[in-house]
Amino acid sequence: MTDRDPLVPALTGLLVDVVWWLKSCGDEEVDPDSAVKMMEGVGEALLQLSSDQRQRLLQVVADLAEAEQNPARREFLESFPFSIGMVEEQGNRGKAGW
């Protein structure tokens, strides 16, 4: 996939939505241990990305957040890089935490 591939923002949005859903589910919907394992798996998969790919992903997430109309989803998109472990400090997109 290239930087201009429309699949990149679509798949990034789906990835964010899955993590958002896992974080927002109650214990009766998803076993908390399973949710944590899934989110750790996402983090581990993102660890496999090259530095350039991580930076591209961070930019796509920032672009999605900027365009998002739903305030709750926008807030989650803005916090996603920190919450998934891609940056060490919230609001610091340029400092890769991996």
PDB file of N, CA and C in Angstrom:
ATOM      1  N   MET A   1       0.837  -1.176   0.000  1.00  0.00           N
ATOM      2  CA  MET A   1       0.000   0.000   0.000  1.00  0.00           C
ATOM      3  C   MET A   1       0.881   1.239   0.000  1.00  0.00           C
ATOM      4  N   THR A   2       0.507   2.202  -0.776  1.00  0.00           N
ATOM      5  CA  THR A   2       1.268   3.444  -0.834  1.00  0.00           C
ATOM      6  C   THR A   2       0.610   4.487   0.056  1.00  0.00           C
ATOM      7  N   ASP A   3       1.308   5.630   0.212  1.00  0.00           N
ATOM      8  CA  ASP A   3       0.769   6.713   1.027  1.00  0.00           C
ATOM      9  C   ASP A   3      -0.574   7.212   0.504  1.00  0.00           C
ATOM     10  N   ARG A   4      -0.795   7.096  -0.768  1.00  0.00           N
ATOM     11  CA  ARG A   4      -2.018   7.615  -1.364  1.00  0.00           C
ATOM     12  C   ARG A   4      -3.116   6.556  -1.494  1.00  0.00           C
ATOM     13  N   ASP A   5      -2.819   5.367  -1.070  1.00  0.00           N
ATOM     14  CA  ASP A   5      -3.779   4.278  -1.145  1.00  0.00           C
ATOM     15  C   ASP A   5      -4.951   4.571  -0.212  1.00  0.00           C
ATOM     16  N   PRO A   6      -6.193   4.618  -0.722  1.00  0.00           N
ATOM     17  CA  PRO A   6      -7.344   4.926   0.129  1.00  0.00           C
ATOM     18  C   PRO A   6      -7.603   3.852   1.185  1.00  0.00           C
ATOM     19  N   LEU A   7      -6.968   2.700   1.032  1.00  0.00           N
ATOM     20  CA  LEU A   7      -7.118   1.648   2.022  1.00  0.00           C
ATOM     21  C   LEU A   7      -6.445   2.014   3.347  1.00  0.00           C
ATOM     22  N   VAL A   8      -5.379   2.819   3.297  1.00  0.00           N
ATOM     23  CA  VAL A   8      -4.633   3.169   4.507  1.00  0.00           C
ATOM     24  C   VAL A   8      -5.525   3.878   5.521  1.00  0.00           C
ATOM     25  N   PRO A   9      -6.203   4.977   5.166  1.00  0.00           N
ATOM     26  CA  PRO A   9      -7.079   5.621   6.155  1.00  0.00           C
ATOM     27  C   PRO A   9      -8.246   4.732   6.581  1.00  0.00           C
ATOM     28  N   ALA A  10      -8.781   3.949   5.644  1.00  0.00           N
ATOM     29  CA  ALA A  10      -9.910   3.076   5.987  1.00  0.00           C
ATOM     30  C   ALA A  10      -9.489   2.019   7.000  1.00  0.00           C
ATOM     31  N   LEU A  11      -8.364   1.366   6.763  1.00  0.00           N
ATOM     32  CA  LEU A  11      -7.897   0.337   7.687  1.00  0.00           C
ATOM     33  C   LEU A  11      -7.442   0.932   9.016  1.00  0.00           C
ATOM     34  N   THR A  12      -6.852   2.101   8.976  1.00  0.00           N
ATOM     35  CA  THR A  12      -6.461   2.780  10.214  1.00  0.00           C
ATOM     36  C   THR A  12      -7.689   3.111  11.038  1.00  0.00           C
ATOM     37  N   GLY A  13      -8.735   3.615  10.384  1.00  0.00           N
ATOM     38  CA  GLY A  13      -9.984   3.912  11.086  1.00  0.00           C
ATOM     39  C   GLY A  13     -10.590   2.676  11.719  1.00  0.00           C
ATOM     40  N   LEU A  14     -10.541   1.552  11.007  1.00  0.00           N
ATOM     41  CA  LEU A  14     -11.056   0.298  11.563  1.00  0.00           C
ATOM     42  C   LEU A  14     -10.229  -0.160  12.758  1.00  0.00           C
ATOM     43  N   LEU A  15      -8.917  -0.034  12.673  1.00  0.00           N
ATOM     44  CA  LEU A  15      -8.044  -0.402  13.782  1.00  0.00           C
ATOM     45  C   LEU A  15      -8.377   0.432  15.020  1.00  0.00           C
ATOM     46  N   VAL A  16      -8.523   1.728  14.832  1.00  0.00           N
ATOM     47  CA  VAL A  16      -8.870   2.615  15.941  1.00  0.00           C
ATOM     48  C   VAL A  16     -10.233   2.238  16.518  1.00  0.00           C
ATOM     49  N   ASP A  17     -11.200   1.957  15.662  1.00  0.00           N
ATOM     50  CA  ASP A  17     -12.538   1.589  16.130  1.00  0.00           C
ATOM     51  C   ASP A  17     -12.526   0.302  16.947  1.00  0.00           C
ATOM     52  N   VAL A  18     -11.735  -0.679  16.532  1.00  0.00           N
ATOM     53  CA  VAL A  18     -11.649  -1.935  17.281  1.00  0.00           C
ATOM     54  C   VAL A  18     -11.074  -1.684  18.672  1.00  0.00           C
ATOM     55  N   VAL A  19     -10.004  -0.901  18.743  1.00  0.00           N
ATOM     56  CA  VAL A  19      -9.401  -0.599  20.044  1.00  0.00           C
ATOM     57  C   VAL A  19     -10.365   0.220  20.893  1.00  0.00           C
ATOM     58  N   TRP A  20     -11.059   1.195  20.288  1.00  0.00           N
ATOM     59  CA  TRP A  20     -12.040   2.007  21.014  1.00  0.00           C
ATOM     60  C   TRP A  20     -13.135   1.105  21.581  1.00  0.00           C
ATOM     61  N   TRP A  21     -13.619   0.193  20.760  1.00  0.00           N
ATOM     62  CA  TRP A  21     -14.673  -0.728  21.192  1.00  0.00           C
ATOM     63  C   TRP A  21     -14.188  -1.587  22.353  1.00  0.00           C
ATOM     64  N   LEU A  22     -12.985  -2.149  22.226  1.00  0.00           N
ATOM     65  CA  LEU A  22     -12.443  -2.990  23.298  1.00  0.00           C
ATOM     66  C   LEU A  22     -12.303  -2.214  24.606  1.00  0.00           C
ATOM     67  N   LYS A  23     -11.866  -0.960  24.510  1.00  0.00           N
ATOM     68  CA  LYS A  23     -11.683  -0.154  25.723  1.00  0.00           C
ATOM     69  C   LYS A  23     -13.015   0.250  26.344  1.00  0.00           C
ATOM     70  N   SER A  24     -14.060   0.334  25.530  1.00  0.00           N
ATOM     71  CA  SER A  24     -15.345   0.826  26.038  1.00  0.00           C
ATOM     72  C   SER A  24     -16.303  -0.286  26.455  1.00  0.00           C
ATOM     73  N   CYS A  25     -15.976  -1.518  26.125  1.00  0.00           N
ATOM     74  CA  CYS A  25     -16.859  -2.640  26.474  1.00  0.00           C
ATOM     75  C   CYS A  25     -16.873  -2.883  27.979  1.00  0.00           C
ATOM     76  N   GLY A  26     -18.023  -3.233  28.455  1.00  0.00           N
ATOM     77  CA  GLY A  26     -18.135  -3.644  29.841  1.00  0.00           C
ATOM     78  C   GLY A  26     -17.692  -5.085  30.008  1.00  0.00           C
ATOM     79  N   ASP A  27     -17.468  -5.472  31.258  1.00  0.00           N
ATOM     80  CA  ASP A  27     -17.009  -6.836  31.553  1.00  0.00           C
ATOM     81  C   ASP A  27     -17.992  -7.892  31.061  1.00  0.00           C
ATOM     82  N   GLU A  28     -19.289  -7.540  31.006  1.00  0.00           N
ATOM     83  CA  GLU A  28     -20.289  -8.503  30.551  1.00  0.00           C
ATOM     84  C   GLU A  28     -20.255  -8.693  29.034  1.00  0.00           C
ATOM     85  N   GLU A  29     -19.656  -7.749  28.308  1.00  0.00           N
ATOM     86  CA  GLU A  29     -19.574  -7.850  26.849  1.00  0.00           C
ATOM     87  C   GLU A  29     -18.305  -8.565  26.387  1.00  0.00           C
ATOM     88  N   VAL A  30     -17.189  -8.219  27.008  1.00  0.00           N
ATOM     89  CA  VAL A  30     -15.899  -8.792  26.639  1.00  0.00           C
ATOM     90  C   VAL A  30     -15.112  -9.036  27.917  1.00  0.00           C
ATOM     91  N   ASP A  31     -14.534 -10.214  28.025  1.00  0.00           N
ATOM     92  CA  ASP A  31     -13.684 -10.523  29.167  1.00  0.00           C
ATOM     93  C   ASP A  31     -12.531  -9.516  29.207  1.00  0.00           C
ATOM     94  N   PRO A  32     -12.339  -8.823  30.346  1.00  0.00           N
ATOM     95  CA  PRO A  32     -11.291  -7.798  30.423  1.00  0.00           C
ATOM     96  C   PRO A  32      -9.897  -8.331  30.083  1.00  0.00           C
ATOM     97  N   ASP A  33      -9.585  -9.537  30.513  1.00  0.00           N
ATOM     98  CA  ASP A  33      -8.275 -10.113  30.193  1.00  0.00           C
ATOM     99  C   ASP A  33      -8.121 -10.321  28.685  1.00  0.00           C
ATOM    100  N   SER A  34      -9.185 -10.755  28.046  1.00  0.00           N
ATOM    101  CA  SER A  34      -9.142 -10.944  26.592  1.00  0.00           C
ATOM    102  C   SER A  34      -8.980  -9.611  25.875  1.00  0.00           C
ATOM    103  N   ALA A  35      -9.666  -8.582  26.355  1.00  0.00           N
ATOM    104  CA  ALA A  35      -9.548  -7.256  25.744  1.00  0.00           C
ATOM    105  C   ALA A  35      -8.121  -6.736  25.860  1.00  0.00           C
ATOM    106  N   VAL A  36      -7.515  -6.896  27.028  1.00  0.00           N
ATOM    107  CA  VAL A  36      -6.139  -6.446  27.235  1.00  0.00           C
ATOM    108  C   VAL A  36      -5.194  -7.214  26.311  1.00  0.00           C
ATOM    109  N   LYS A  37      -5.384  -8.520  26.205  1.00  0.00           N
ATOM    110  CA  LYS A  37      -4.539  -9.325  25.319  1.00  0.00           C
ATOM    111  C   LYS A  37      -4.672  -8.877  23.866  1.00  0.00           C
ATOM    112  N   MET A  38      -5.888  -8.574  23.456  1.00  0.00           N
ATOM    113  CA  MET A  38      -6.108  -8.106  22.086  1.00  0.00           C
ATOM    114  C   MET A  38      -5.403  -6.774  21.843  1.00  0.00           C
ATOM    115  N   MET A  39      -5.531  -5.844  22.799  1.00  0.00           N
ATOM    116  CA  MET A  39      -4.890  -4.537  22.631  1.00  0.00           C
ATOM    117  C   MET A  39      -3.373  -4.664  22.667  1.00  0.00           C
ATOM    118  N   GLU A  40      -2.857  -5.566  23.498  1.00  0.00           N
ATOM    119  CA  GLU A  40      -1.414  -5.813  23.511  1.00  0.00           C
ATOM    120  C   GLU A  40      -0.972  -6.395  22.174  1.00  0.00           C
ATOM    121  N   GLY A  41      -1.804  -7.255  21.597  1.00  0.00           N
ATOM    122  CA  GLY A  41      -1.503  -7.821  20.283  1.00  0.00           C
ATOM    123  C   GLY A  41      -1.440  -6.749  19.211  1.00  0.00           C
ATOM    124  N   VAL A  42      -2.350  -5.789  19.285  1.00  0.00           N
ATOM    125  CA  VAL A  42      -2.323  -4.668  18.345  1.00  0.00           C
ATOM    126  C   VAL A  42      -1.022  -3.893  18.516  1.00  0.00           C
ATOM    127  N   GLY A  43      -0.664  -3.612  19.777  1.00  0.00           N
ATOM    128  CA  GLY A  43       0.576  -2.892  20.045  1.00  0.00           C
ATOM    129  C   GLY A  43       1.790  -3.636  19.518  1.00  0.00           C
ATOM    130  N   GLU A  44       1.826  -4.940  19.716  1.00  0.00           N
ATOM    131  CA  GLU A  44       2.943  -5.753  19.221  1.00  0.00           C
ATOM    132  C   GLU A  44       3.002  -5.732  17.697  1.00  0.00           C
ATOM    133  N   ALA A  45       1.857  -5.785  17.050  1.00  0.00           N
ATOM    134  CA  ALA A  45       1.835  -5.733  15.587  1.00  0.00           C
ATOM    135  C   ALA A  45       2.358  -4.385  15.092  1.00  0.00           C
ATOM    136  N   LEU A  46       1.985  -3.313  15.781  1.00  0.00           N
ATOM    137  CA  LEU A  46       2.461  -1.995  15.380  1.00  0.00           C
ATOM    138  C   LEU A  46       3.961  -1.847  15.619  1.00  0.00           C
ATOM    139  N   LEU A  47       4.484  -2.597  16.579  1.00  0.00           N
ATOM    140  CA  LEU A  47       5.929  -2.605  16.825  1.00  0.00           C
ATOM    141  C   LEU A  47       6.702  -3.101  15.608  1.00  0.00           C
ATOM    142  N   GLN A  48       6.067  -3.931  14.821  1.00  0.00           N
ATOM    143  CA  GLN A  48       6.721  -4.513  13.653  1.00  0.00           C
ATOM    144  C   GLN A  48       6.825  -3.522  12.487  1.00  0.00           C
ATOM    145  N   LEU A  49       6.111  -2.412  12.571  1.00  0.00           N
ATOM    146  CA  LEU A  49       6.179  -1.420  11.504  1.00  0.00           C
ATOM    147  C   LEU A  49       7.525  -0.714  11.531  1.00  0.00           C
ATOM    148  N   SER A  50       7.995  -0.334  10.352  1.00  0.00           N
ATOM    149  CA  SER A  50       9.222   0.460  10.290  1.00  0.00           C
ATOM    150  C   SER A  50       8.927   1.858  10.841  1.00  0.00           C
ATOM    151  N   SER A  51       9.967   2.592  11.124  1.00  0.00           N
ATOM    152  CA  SER A  51       9.803   3.958  11.640  1.00  0.00           C
ATOM    153  C   SER A  51       8.976   4.810  10.671  1.00  0.00           C
ATOM    154  N   ASP A  52       9.260   4.693   9.380  1.00  0.00           N
ATOM    155  CA  ASP A  52       8.490   5.453   8.381  1.00  0.00           C
ATOM    156  C   ASP A  52       7.020   5.044   8.381  1.00  0.00           C
ATOM    157  N   GLN A  53       6.759   3.753   8.515  1.00  0.00           N
ATOM    158  CA  GLN A  53       5.378   3.281   8.540  1.00  0.00           C
ATOM    159  C   GLN A  53       4.651   3.777   9.783  1.00  0.00           C
ATOM    160  N   ARG A  54       5.332   3.773  10.937  1.00  0.00           N
ATOM    161  CA  ARG A  54       4.715   4.289  12.165  1.00  0.00           C
ATOM    162  C   ARG A  54       4.397   5.772  12.025  1.00  0.00           C
ATOM    163  N   GLN A  55       5.328   6.518  11.450  1.00  0.00           N
ATOM    164  CA  GLN A  55       5.084   7.949  11.259  1.00  0.00           C
ATOM    165  C   GLN A  55       3.897   8.170  10.317  1.00  0.00           C
ATOM    166  N   ARG A  56       3.796   7.352   9.283  1.00  0.00           N
ATOM    167  CA  ARG A  56       2.653   7.452   8.351  1.00  0.00           C
ATOM    168  C   ARG A  56       1.355   7.136   9.082  1.00  0.00           C
ATOM    169  N   LEU A  57       1.375   6.101   9.909  1.00  0.00           N
ATOM    170  CA  LEU A  57       0.189   5.747  10.679  1.00  0.00           C
ATOM    171  C   LEU A  57      -0.207   6.891  11.616  1.00  0.00           C
ATOM    172  N   LEU A  58       0.768   7.474  12.289  1.00  0.00           N
ATOM    173  CA  LEU A  58       0.487   8.605  13.176  1.00  0.00           C
ATOM    174  C   LEU A  58      -0.129   9.772  12.406  1.00  0.00           C
ATOM    175  N   GLN A  59       0.363  10.017  11.195  1.00  0.00           N
ATOM    176  CA  GLN A  59      -0.182  11.103  10.387  1.00  0.00           C
ATOM    177  C   GLN A  59      -1.610  10.802   9.952  1.00  0.00           C
ATOM    178  N   VAL A  60      -1.871   9.561   9.569  1.00  0.00           N
ATOM    179  CA  VAL A  60      -3.228   9.176   9.164  1.00  0.00           C
ATOM    180  C   VAL A  60      -4.194   9.329  10.348  1.00  0.00           C
ATOM    181  N   VAL A  61      -3.770   8.907  11.538  1.00  0.00           N
ATOM    182  CA  VAL A  61      -4.613   9.047  12.730  1.00  0.00           C
ATOM    183  C   VAL A  61      -4.878  10.530  13.005  1.00  0.00           C
ATOM    184  N   ALA A  62      -3.856  11.363  12.883  1.00  0.00           N
ATOM    185  CA  ALA A  62      -4.030  12.806  13.088  1.00  0.00           C
ATOM    186  C   ALA A  62      -4.992  13.388  12.052  1.00  0.00           C
ATOM    187  N   ASP A  63      -4.873  12.954  10.807  1.00  0.00           N
ATOM    188  CA  ASP A  63      -5.781  13.420   9.743  1.00  0.00           C
ATOM    189  C   ASP A  63      -7.217  12.987  10.031  1.00  0.00           C
ATOM    190  N   LEU A  64      -7.381  11.744  10.480  1.00  0.00           N
ATOM    191  CA  LEU A  64      -8.719  11.250  10.819  1.00  0.00           C
ATOM    192  C   LEU A  64      -9.309  12.061  11.971  1.00  0.00           C
ATOM    193  N   ALA A  65      -8.488  12.359  12.976  1.00  0.00           N
ATOM    194  CA  ALA A  65      -8.960  13.139  14.126  1.00  0.00           C
ATOM    195  C   ALA A  65      -9.393  14.529  13.692  1.00  0.00           C
ATOM    196  N   GLU A  66      -8.623  15.138  12.828  1.00  0.00           N
ATOM    197  CA  GLU A  66      -8.941  16.489  12.360  1.00  0.00           C
ATOM    198  C   GLU A  66     -10.263  16.531  11.605  1.00  0.00           C
ATOM    199  N   ALA A  67     -10.550  15.477  10.866  1.00  0.00           N
ATOM    200  CA  ALA A  67     -11.771  15.434  10.050  1.00  0.00           C
ATOM    201  C   ALA A  67     -12.980  14.896  10.811  1.00  0.00           C
ATOM    202  N   GLU A  68     -12.764  14.324  11.990  1.00  0.00           N
ATOM    203  CA  GLU A  68     -13.841  13.656  12.731  1.00  0.00           C
ATOM    204  C   GLU A  68     -14.856  14.659  13.277  1.00  0.00           C
ATOM    205  N   GLN A  69     -16.147  14.363  13.066  1.00  0.00           N
ATOM    206  CA  GLN A  69     -17.236  15.209  13.537  1.00  0.00           C
ATOM    207  C   GLN A  69     -17.722  14.825  14.934  1.00  0.00           C
ATOM    208  N   ASN A  70     -17.591  13.552  15.279  1.00  0.00           N
ATOM    209  CA  ASN A  70     -18.034  13.068  16.582  1.00  0.00           C
ATOM    210  C   ASN A  70     -16.970  13.439  17.626  1.00  0.00           C
ATOM    211  N   PRO A  71     -17.324  14.297  18.600  1.00  0.00           N
ATOM    212  CA  PRO A  71     -16.319  14.743  19.576  1.00  0.00           C
ATOM    213  C   PRO A  71     -15.684  13.606  20.374  1.00  0.00           C
ATOM    214  N   ALA A  72     -16.449  12.603  20.753  1.00  0.00           N
ATOM    215  CA  ALA A  72     -15.902  11.491  21.526  1.00  0.00           C
ATOM    216  C   ALA A  72     -14.901  10.689  20.692  1.00  0.00           C
ATOM    217  N   ARG A  73     -15.240  10.427  19.444  1.00  0.00           N
ATOM    218  CA  ARG A  73     -14.315   9.679  18.581  1.00  0.00           C
ATOM    219  C   ARG A  73     -13.093  10.522  18.264  1.00  0.00           C
ATOM    220  N   ARG A  74     -13.272  11.835  18.057  1.00  0.00           N
ATOM    221  CA  ARG A  74     -12.138  12.719  17.802  1.00  0.00           C
ATOM    222  C   ARG A  74     -11.167  12.692  18.979  1.00  0.00           C
ATOM    223  N   GLU A  75     -11.711  12.776  20.193  1.00  0.00           N
ATOM    224  CA  GLU A  75     -10.870  12.733  21.388  1.00  0.00           C
ATOM    225  C   GLU A  75     -10.106  11.409  21.467  1.00  0.00           C
ATOM    226  N   PHE A  76     -10.796  10.313  21.154  1.00  0.00           N
ATOM    227  CA  PHE A  76     -10.121   9.019  21.180  1.00  0.00           C
ATOM    228  C   PHE A  76      -9.033   8.948  20.110  1.00  0.00           C
ATOM    229  N   LEU A  77      -9.323   9.445  18.915  1.00  0.00           N
ATOM    230  CA  LEU A  77      -8.320   9.456  17.853  1.00  0.00           C
ATOM    231  C   LEU A  77      -7.086  10.257  18.277  1.00  0.00           C
ATOM    232  N   GLU A  78      -7.317  11.380  18.934  1.00  0.00           N
ATOM    233  CA  GLU A  78      -6.202  12.216  19.375  1.00  0.00           C
ATOM    234  C   GLU A  78      -5.364  11.520  20.443  1.00  0.00           C
ATOM    235  N   SER A  79      -5.999  10.705  21.278  1.00  0.00           N
ATOM    236  CA  SER A  79      -5.269  10.016  22.346  1.00  0.00           C
ATOM    237  C   SER A  79      -4.752   8.640  21.913  1.00  0.00           C
ATOM    238  N   PHE A  80      -5.186   8.153  20.759  1.00  0.00           N
ATOM    239  CA  PHE A  80      -4.842   6.806  20.316  1.00  0.00           C
ATOM    240  C   PHE A  80      -3.342   6.532  20.286  1.00  0.00           C
ATOM    241  N   PRO A  81      -2.508   7.394  19.694  1.00  0.00           N
ATOM    242  CA  PRO A  81      -1.072   7.083  19.651  1.00  0.00           C
ATOM    243  C   PRO A  81      -0.470   6.862  21.038  1.00  0.00           C
ATOM    244  N   PHE A  82      -0.897   7.630  22.014  1.00  0.00           N
ATOM    245  CA  PHE A  82      -0.404   7.464  23.380  1.00  0.00           C
ATOM    246  C   PHE A  82      -0.981   6.204  24.016  1.00  0.00           C
ATOM    247  N   SER A  83      -2.291   6.016  23.883  1.00  0.00           N
ATOM    248  CA  SER A  83      -2.935   4.898  24.567  1.00  0.00           C
ATOM    249  C   SER A  83      -2.496   3.541  24.026  1.00  0.00           C
ATOM    250  N   ILE A  84      -2.080   3.493  22.770  1.00  0.00           N
ATOM    251  CA  ILE A  84      -1.632   2.221  22.185  1.00  0.00           C
ATOM    252  C   ILE A  84      -0.115   2.055  22.316  1.00  0.00           C
ATOM    253  N   GLY A  85       0.579   3.103  22.806  1.00  0.00           N
ATOM    254  CA  GLY A  85       2.005   3.008  23.061  1.00  0.00           C
ATOM    255  C   GLY A  85       2.907   3.459  21.934  1.00  0.00           C
ATOM    256  N   MET A  86       2.364   4.187  20.968  1.00  0.00           N
ATOM    257  CA  MET A  86       3.184   4.647  19.846  1.00  0.00           C
ATOM    258  C   MET A  86       3.998   5.890  20.184  1.00  0.00           C
ATOM    259  N   VAL A  87       3.574   6.646  21.171  1.00  0.00           N
ATOM    260  CA  VAL A  87       4.314   7.818  21.634  1.00  0.00           C
ATOM    261  C   VAL A  87       4.406   7.750  23.150  1.00  0.00           C
ATOM    262  N   GLU A  88       5.453   8.342  23.701  1.00  0.00           N
ATOM    263  CA  GLU A  88       5.678   8.273  25.140  1.00  0.00           C
ATOM    264  C   GLU A  88       4.823   9.257  25.926  1.00  0.00           C
ATOM    265  N   GLU A  89       4.493  10.393  25.303  1.00  0.00           N
ATOM    266  CA  GLU A  89       3.704  11.409  25.979  1.00  0.00           C
ATOM    267  C   GLU A  89       2.497  11.755  25.123  1.00  0.00           C
ATOM    268  N   GLN A  90       1.361  11.929  25.788  1.00  0.00           N
ATOM    269  CA  GLN A  90       0.154  12.279  25.052  1.00  0.00           C
ATOM    270  C   GLN A  90       0.344  13.631  24.395  1.00  0.00           C
ATOM    271  N   GLY A  91      -0.081  13.723  23.125  1.00  0.00           N
ATOM    272  CA  GLY A  91       0.050  14.968  22.382  1.00  0.00           C
ATOM    273  C   GLY A  91       1.409  15.120  21.717  1.00  0.00           C
ATOM    274  N   ASN A  92       2.261  14.104  21.776  1.00  0.00           N
ATOM    275  CA  ASN A  92       3.591  14.170  21.203  1.00  0.00           C
ATOM    276  C   ASN A  92       3.702  13.144  20.081  1.00  0.00           C
ATOM    277  N   ARG A  93       3.191  13.503  18.901  1.00  0.00           N
ATOM    278  CA  ARG A  93       3.169  12.563  17.776  1.00  0.00           C
ATOM    279  C   ARG A  93       4.551  12.248  17.236  1.00  0.00           C
ATOM    280  N   GLY A  94       5.499  13.146  17.389  1.00  0.00           N
ATOM    281  CA  GLY A  94       6.790  12.940  16.776  1.00  0.00           C
ATOM    282  C   GLY A  94       7.749  12.074  17.566  1.00  0.00           C
ATOM    283  N   LYS A  95       7.416  11.743  18.793  1.00  0.00           N
ATOM    284  CA  LYS A  95       8.331  11.000  19.644  1.00  0.00           C
ATOM    285  C   LYS A  95       7.859   9.562  19.771  1.00  0.00           C
ATOM    286  N   ALA A  96       8.404   8.703  18.953  1.00  0.00           N
ATOM    287  CA  ALA A  96       7.968   7.301  18.966  1.00  0.00           C
ATOM    288  C   ALA A  96       8.346   6.638  20.267  1.00  0.00           C
ATOM    289  N   GLY A  97       7.384   5.980  20.867  1.00  0.00           N
ATOM    290  CA  GLY A  97       7.620   5.307  22.132  1.00  0.00           C
ATOM    291  C   GLY A  97       8.205   3.918  21.944  1.00  0.00           C
ATOM    292  N   TRP A  98       8.355   3.462  20.712  1.00  0.00           N
ATOM    293  CA  TRP A  98       8.880   2.132  20.477  1.00  0.00           C
ATOM    294  C   TRP A  98      10.238   2.263  19.904  1.00  0.00           C
TER     295      TRP A  98
END
